[in-house]
Amino acid sequence: MIKIVIVEDQTMLRDSLAQTIDAQPDMEVVASLADAAFALDEVEKTGATCALLDVCTENDSSGTSPRAA
């Protein structure tokens, strides 16, 4: 099973992606977020194997910038 975290600030797109992914027999959305700042925590917490990240999300967070240590 592929466990996926979605990070997208547009609610309609985020929900649509989650429905499409969850309809696949070998995929499961384990978290859905609007702010990329929390993405790594969710990946670690859920054991996700994949993350689908928007480039620009809420609060000026970015899916392309690493989290500060």
Protein backbone atom coordinates (compact mmCIF):
# COMPACT_ATOMS: atom_id res chain seq x y z
CA MET A 1 0.00 0.00 0.00
CA ILE A 2 1.32 3.43 -0.98
CA LYS A 3 0.64 5.93 1.82
CA ILE A 4 0.40 9.52 0.59
CA VAL A 5 0.45 12.94 2.24
CA ILE A 6 -1.17 15.72 0.17
CA VAL A 7 -0.15 19.35 0.70
CA GLU A 8 -2.31 21.79 -1.27
CA ASP A 9 -3.76 25.10 -0.07
CA GLN A 10 -6.79 25.05 -2.40
CA THR A 11 -9.45 23.02 -0.62
CA MET A 12 -11.34 21.89 -3.72
CA LEU A 13 -8.18 20.62 -5.43
CA ARG A 14 -6.89 18.97 -2.24
CA ASP A 15 -10.20 17.14 -1.72
CA SER A 16 -10.38 16.10 -5.37
CA LEU A 17 -6.86 14.70 -5.30
CA ALA A 18 -7.62 12.81 -2.09
CA GLN A 19 -10.77 11.24 -3.59
CA THR A 20 -8.97 10.23 -6.77
CA ILE A 21 -6.04 8.72 -4.91
CA ASP A 22 -8.21 6.92 -2.34
CA ALA A 23 -10.17 5.31 -5.21
CA GLN A 24 -7.01 3.44 -6.25
CA PRO A 25 -6.76 -0.06 -4.74
CA ASP A 26 -3.08 0.28 -3.84
CA MET A 27 -3.04 3.91 -2.57
CA GLU A 28 -4.26 5.64 0.58
CA VAL A 29 -4.17 9.32 1.59
CA VAL A 30 -2.98 9.32 5.20
CA ALA A 31 -2.92 13.12 5.65
CA SER A 32 -4.19 16.17 3.79
CA LEU A 33 -2.74 19.59 4.65
CA ALA A 34 -3.02 23.20 3.51
CA ASP A 35 0.36 24.34 4.93
CA ALA A 36 3.67 22.78 3.85
CA ALA A 37 5.27 23.73 7.17
CA PHE A 38 3.62 20.66 8.73
CA ALA A 39 4.32 18.20 5.91
CA LEU A 40 7.44 16.54 7.29
CA ASP A 41 5.84 16.04 10.70
CA GLU A 42 2.86 14.32 9.04
CA VAL A 43 5.10 12.12 6.89
CA GLU A 44 6.99 11.01 10.00
CA LYS A 45 3.81 10.55 12.08
CA THR A 46 1.89 8.57 9.47
CA GLY A 47 4.74 6.61 7.91
CA ALA A 48 3.82 7.97 4.47
CA THR A 49 5.83 6.62 1.55
CA CYS A 50 5.05 9.55 -0.77
CA ALA A 51 4.18 13.24 -0.49
CA LEU A 52 2.38 15.29 -3.13
CA LEU A 53 3.44 18.91 -2.46
CA ASP A 54 2.22 22.22 -3.82
CA VAL A 55 5.02 24.72 -4.47
CA CYS A 56 3.32 27.62 -2.64
CA THR A 57 0.97 26.96 0.27
CA GLU A 58 -0.64 28.84 3.14
CA ASN A 59 1.45 31.15 5.33
CA ASP A 60 4.10 31.47 2.59
CA SER A 61 5.23 27.88 3.17
CA SER A 62 6.82 26.05 0.26
CA GLY A 63 6.81 22.43 -0.76
CA THR A 64 10.30 22.92 -2.25
CA SER A 65 12.11 24.40 0.75
CA PRO A 66 13.51 22.14 3.44
CA ARG A 67 12.37 22.69 7.02
CA ALA A 68 14.80 24.56 9.24
CA ALA A 69 16.49 22.25 11.72
